[in-house]
Amino acid sequence: MTTYQVLNARSLTRLGTAVRRLRLDRGLSQAALAEAADVSRQWIISLEQGRTEGLEIGRLMRVLDALDASLAIRDDQEAP
């Protein structure tokens, strides 16, 4: 049975922290991740610092793909 790590990203700050953790877990530098995802290193820095107002989802998906990670949406509303 495969167990997946779930990282909570309910804010831009938490999203950045999760991406940074995954990057470090995989032994990647910011430059290496940026190159693999076809984004700038400065964009990775901004993402990791939670300073990506107007975040472009396509770029985020390329970063997650380069990290072999995925984005999941969970319904946090309690069932009636």
N, C-alpha and C. Protein backbone atom coordinates (compact mmCIF):
# COMPACT_ATOMS: atom_id res chain seq x y z
N MET A 1 0.85 -1.18 0.00
CA MET A 1 0.00 0.00 0.00
C MET A 1 0.89 1.24 0.00
N THR A 2 0.62 2.17 -0.89
CA THR A 2 1.39 3.39 -1.00
C THR A 2 0.79 4.46 -0.09
N THR A 3 1.66 5.13 0.66
CA THR A 3 1.23 6.23 1.51
C THR A 3 1.75 7.53 0.92
N TYR A 4 0.87 8.50 0.78
CA TYR A 4 1.23 9.78 0.23
C TYR A 4 1.29 10.83 1.33
N GLN A 5 2.29 11.69 1.26
CA GLN A 5 2.41 12.80 2.18
C GLN A 5 1.44 13.89 1.72
N VAL A 6 0.66 14.44 2.62
CA VAL A 6 -0.27 15.50 2.30
C VAL A 6 0.21 16.76 3.00
N LEU A 7 0.41 17.82 2.23
CA LEU A 7 0.84 19.10 2.77
C LEU A 7 -0.29 20.10 2.63
N ASN A 8 -0.69 20.71 3.71
CA ASN A 8 -1.80 21.67 3.71
C ASN A 8 -1.32 22.99 3.11
N ALA A 9 -2.04 23.49 2.14
CA ALA A 9 -1.68 24.76 1.50
C ALA A 9 -2.91 25.64 1.37
N ARG A 10 -3.42 26.09 2.51
CA ARG A 10 -4.63 26.90 2.52
C ARG A 10 -4.37 28.38 2.32
N SER A 11 -3.12 28.76 2.13
CA SER A 11 -2.76 30.15 1.88
C SER A 11 -1.54 30.16 0.96
N LEU A 12 -1.22 31.31 0.40
CA LEU A 12 -0.04 31.41 -0.45
C LEU A 12 1.23 31.11 0.36
N THR A 13 1.25 31.54 1.61
CA THR A 13 2.41 31.27 2.46
C THR A 13 2.60 29.77 2.67
N ARG A 14 1.51 29.08 2.98
CA ARG A 14 1.60 27.62 3.19
C ARG A 14 1.93 26.89 1.89
N LEU A 15 1.41 27.38 0.78
CA LEU A 15 1.73 26.78 -0.51
C LEU A 15 3.23 26.90 -0.76
N GLY A 16 3.78 28.07 -0.52
CA GLY A 16 5.21 28.28 -0.70
C GLY A 16 6.04 27.39 0.20
N THR A 17 5.61 27.25 1.44
CA THR A 17 6.32 26.38 2.38
C THR A 17 6.28 24.93 1.92
N ALA A 18 5.15 24.49 1.40
CA ALA A 18 5.02 23.12 0.91
C ALA A 18 5.93 22.88 -0.30
N VAL A 19 5.96 23.83 -1.22
CA VAL A 19 6.83 23.68 -2.40
C VAL A 19 8.29 23.64 -1.96
N ARG A 20 8.68 24.52 -1.06
CA ARG A 20 10.06 24.54 -0.57
C ARG A 20 10.43 23.20 0.08
N ARG A 21 9.52 22.68 0.90
CA ARG A 21 9.78 21.39 1.57
C ARG A 21 9.96 20.27 0.55
N LEU A 22 9.10 20.22 -0.45
CA LEU A 22 9.22 19.19 -1.48
C LEU A 22 10.52 19.35 -2.26
N ARG A 23 10.87 20.59 -2.58
CA ARG A 23 12.11 20.85 -3.32
C ARG A 23 13.32 20.37 -2.53
N LEU A 24 13.36 20.71 -1.25
CA LEU A 24 14.48 20.29 -0.41
C LEU A 24 14.50 18.78 -0.21
N ASP A 25 13.33 18.17 -0.04
CA ASP A 25 13.24 16.71 0.11
C ASP A 25 13.82 15.99 -1.11
N ARG A 26 13.70 16.63 -2.28
CA ARG A 26 14.19 16.03 -3.52
C ARG A 26 15.61 16.46 -3.86
N GLY A 27 16.21 17.26 -2.98
CA GLY A 27 17.59 17.67 -3.17
C GLY A 27 17.81 18.62 -4.33
N LEU A 28 16.79 19.42 -4.64
CA LEU A 28 16.89 20.35 -5.76
C LEU A 28 17.20 21.76 -5.28
N SER A 29 18.01 22.47 -6.03
CA SER A 29 18.22 23.89 -5.77
C SER A 29 17.05 24.64 -6.40
N GLN A 30 16.91 25.90 -6.02
CA GLN A 30 15.87 26.72 -6.66
C GLN A 30 16.13 26.84 -8.15
N ALA A 31 17.40 26.97 -8.52
CA ALA A 31 17.75 27.09 -9.94
C ALA A 31 17.41 25.82 -10.71
N ALA A 32 17.70 24.67 -10.11
CA ALA A 32 17.41 23.39 -10.79
C ALA A 32 15.91 23.20 -10.96
N LEU A 33 15.13 23.53 -9.93
CA LEU A 33 13.68 23.41 -10.03
C LEU A 33 13.14 24.37 -11.08
N ALA A 34 13.64 25.59 -11.07
CA ALA A 34 13.19 26.59 -12.05
C ALA A 34 13.45 26.10 -13.47
N GLU A 35 14.63 25.55 -13.69
CA GLU A 35 14.96 25.06 -15.03
C GLU A 35 14.05 23.90 -15.42
N ALA A 36 13.83 22.97 -14.50
CA ALA A 36 12.98 21.80 -14.79
C ALA A 36 11.54 22.21 -15.08
N ALA A 37 11.08 23.28 -14.43
CA ALA A 37 9.69 23.72 -14.59
C ALA A 37 9.54 24.82 -15.63
N ASP A 38 10.63 25.26 -16.22
CA ASP A 38 10.62 26.32 -17.23
C ASP A 38 10.01 27.61 -16.67
N VAL A 39 10.46 27.97 -15.46
CA VAL A 39 10.10 29.24 -14.85
C VAL A 39 11.40 29.88 -14.37
N SER A 40 11.35 31.13 -14.00
CA SER A 40 12.56 31.79 -13.52
C SER A 40 12.85 31.42 -12.07
N ARG A 41 14.11 31.52 -11.69
CA ARG A 41 14.49 31.27 -10.29
C ARG A 41 13.79 32.29 -9.39
N GLN A 42 13.67 33.52 -9.86
CA GLN A 42 12.99 34.55 -9.07
C GLN A 42 11.54 34.18 -8.82
N TRP A 43 10.89 33.53 -9.78
CA TRP A 43 9.50 33.11 -9.59
C TRP A 43 9.43 32.04 -8.51
N ILE A 44 10.39 31.11 -8.50
CA ILE A 44 10.45 30.07 -7.45
C ILE A 44 10.65 30.74 -6.09
N ILE A 45 11.56 31.70 -6.03
CA ILE A 45 11.80 32.41 -4.76
C ILE A 45 10.51 33.07 -4.29
N SER A 46 9.82 33.77 -5.17
CA SER A 46 8.56 34.42 -4.81
C SER A 46 7.51 33.41 -4.37
N LEU A 47 7.41 32.31 -5.08
CA LEU A 47 6.46 31.25 -4.71
C LEU A 47 6.76 30.74 -3.31
N GLU A 48 8.01 30.41 -3.04
CA GLU A 48 8.39 29.87 -1.73
C GLU A 48 8.17 30.87 -0.61
N GLN A 49 8.21 32.15 -0.91
CA GLN A 49 8.00 33.19 0.10
C GLN A 49 6.53 33.61 0.20
N GLY A 50 5.67 32.97 -0.58
CA GLY A 50 4.25 33.30 -0.54
C GLY A 50 3.93 34.65 -1.14
N ARG A 51 4.79 35.14 -2.03
CA ARG A 51 4.61 36.46 -2.63
C ARG A 51 4.23 36.34 -4.10
N THR A 52 3.28 35.51 -4.39
CA THR A 52 2.90 35.27 -5.79
C THR A 52 1.45 35.69 -6.02
N GLU A 53 1.16 36.94 -5.68
CA GLU A 53 -0.19 37.47 -5.94
C GLU A 53 -0.52 37.28 -7.42
N GLY A 54 -1.72 36.88 -7.71
CA GLY A 54 -2.10 36.63 -9.09
C GLY A 54 -1.39 35.41 -9.66
N LEU A 55 -1.14 34.45 -8.81
CA LEU A 55 -0.42 33.23 -9.17
C LEU A 55 -0.98 32.61 -10.45
N GLU A 56 -0.10 32.36 -11.40
CA GLU A 56 -0.50 31.73 -12.65
C GLU A 56 -0.51 30.22 -12.43
N ILE A 57 -1.67 29.61 -12.53
CA ILE A 57 -1.83 28.18 -12.22
C ILE A 57 -1.00 27.31 -13.14
N GLY A 58 -0.81 27.70 -14.39
CA GLY A 58 0.00 26.92 -15.33
C GLY A 58 1.44 26.79 -14.85
N ARG A 59 1.99 27.89 -14.35
CA ARG A 59 3.35 27.84 -13.81
C ARG A 59 3.42 26.95 -12.58
N LEU A 60 2.44 27.10 -11.69
CA LEU A 60 2.41 26.27 -10.50
C LEU A 60 2.34 24.79 -10.87
N MET A 61 1.52 24.45 -11.85
CA MET A 61 1.39 23.05 -12.25
C MET A 61 2.70 22.51 -12.82
N ARG A 62 3.44 23.35 -13.57
CA ARG A 62 4.75 22.91 -14.08
C ARG A 62 5.73 22.67 -12.94
N VAL A 63 5.69 23.52 -11.92
CA VAL A 63 6.56 23.33 -10.75
C VAL A 63 6.20 22.03 -10.04
N LEU A 64 4.91 21.82 -9.81
CA LEU A 64 4.48 20.58 -9.13
C LEU A 64 4.84 19.35 -9.96
N ASP A 65 4.69 19.44 -11.27
CA ASP A 65 5.06 18.32 -12.14
C ASP A 65 6.56 18.04 -12.02
N ALA A 66 7.38 19.08 -11.99
CA ALA A 66 8.83 18.89 -11.86
C ALA A 66 9.19 18.26 -10.51
N LEU A 67 8.35 18.48 -9.50
CA LEU A 67 8.56 17.89 -8.18
C LEU A 67 7.90 16.52 -8.03
N ASP A 68 7.23 16.06 -9.09
CA ASP A 68 6.45 14.82 -9.05
C ASP A 68 5.41 14.89 -7.92
N ALA A 69 4.73 16.03 -7.87
CA ALA A 69 3.70 16.27 -6.87
C ALA A 69 2.43 16.68 -7.60
N SER A 70 1.33 16.70 -6.89
CA SER A 70 0.07 17.09 -7.51
C SER A 70 -0.70 18.03 -6.61
N LEU A 71 -1.69 18.66 -7.19
CA LEU A 71 -2.56 19.57 -6.49
C LEU A 71 -3.89 18.86 -6.28
N ALA A 72 -4.39 18.88 -5.06
CA ALA A 72 -5.68 18.26 -4.76
C ALA A 72 -6.56 19.30 -4.11
N ILE A 73 -7.84 19.25 -4.38
CA ILE A 73 -8.79 20.13 -3.75
C ILE A 73 -9.68 19.29 -2.87
N ARG A 74 -9.72 19.68 -1.61
CA ARG A 74 -10.50 18.92 -0.62
C ARG A 74 -11.66 19.80 -0.16
N ASP A 75 -12.83 19.25 -0.09
CA ASP A 75 -14.00 19.95 0.41
C ASP A 75 -13.96 19.92 1.94
N ASP A 76 -13.68 21.06 2.56
CA ASP A 76 -13.58 21.13 4.02
C ASP A 76 -14.91 21.40 4.71
N GLN A 77 -15.96 21.57 3.92
CA GLN A 77 -17.27 21.82 4.52
C GLN A 77 -17.80 20.52 5.09
N GLU A 78 -18.31 20.61 6.30
CA GLU A 78 -18.85 19.41 6.95
C GLU A 78 -20.14 18.98 6.27
N ALA A 79 -20.32 17.69 6.17
CA ALA A 79 -21.54 17.14 5.59
C ALA A 79 -22.71 17.43 6.52
N PRO A 80 -23.90 17.68 5.96
CA PRO A 80 -25.08 17.97 6.81
C PRO A 80 -25.49 16.78 7.64
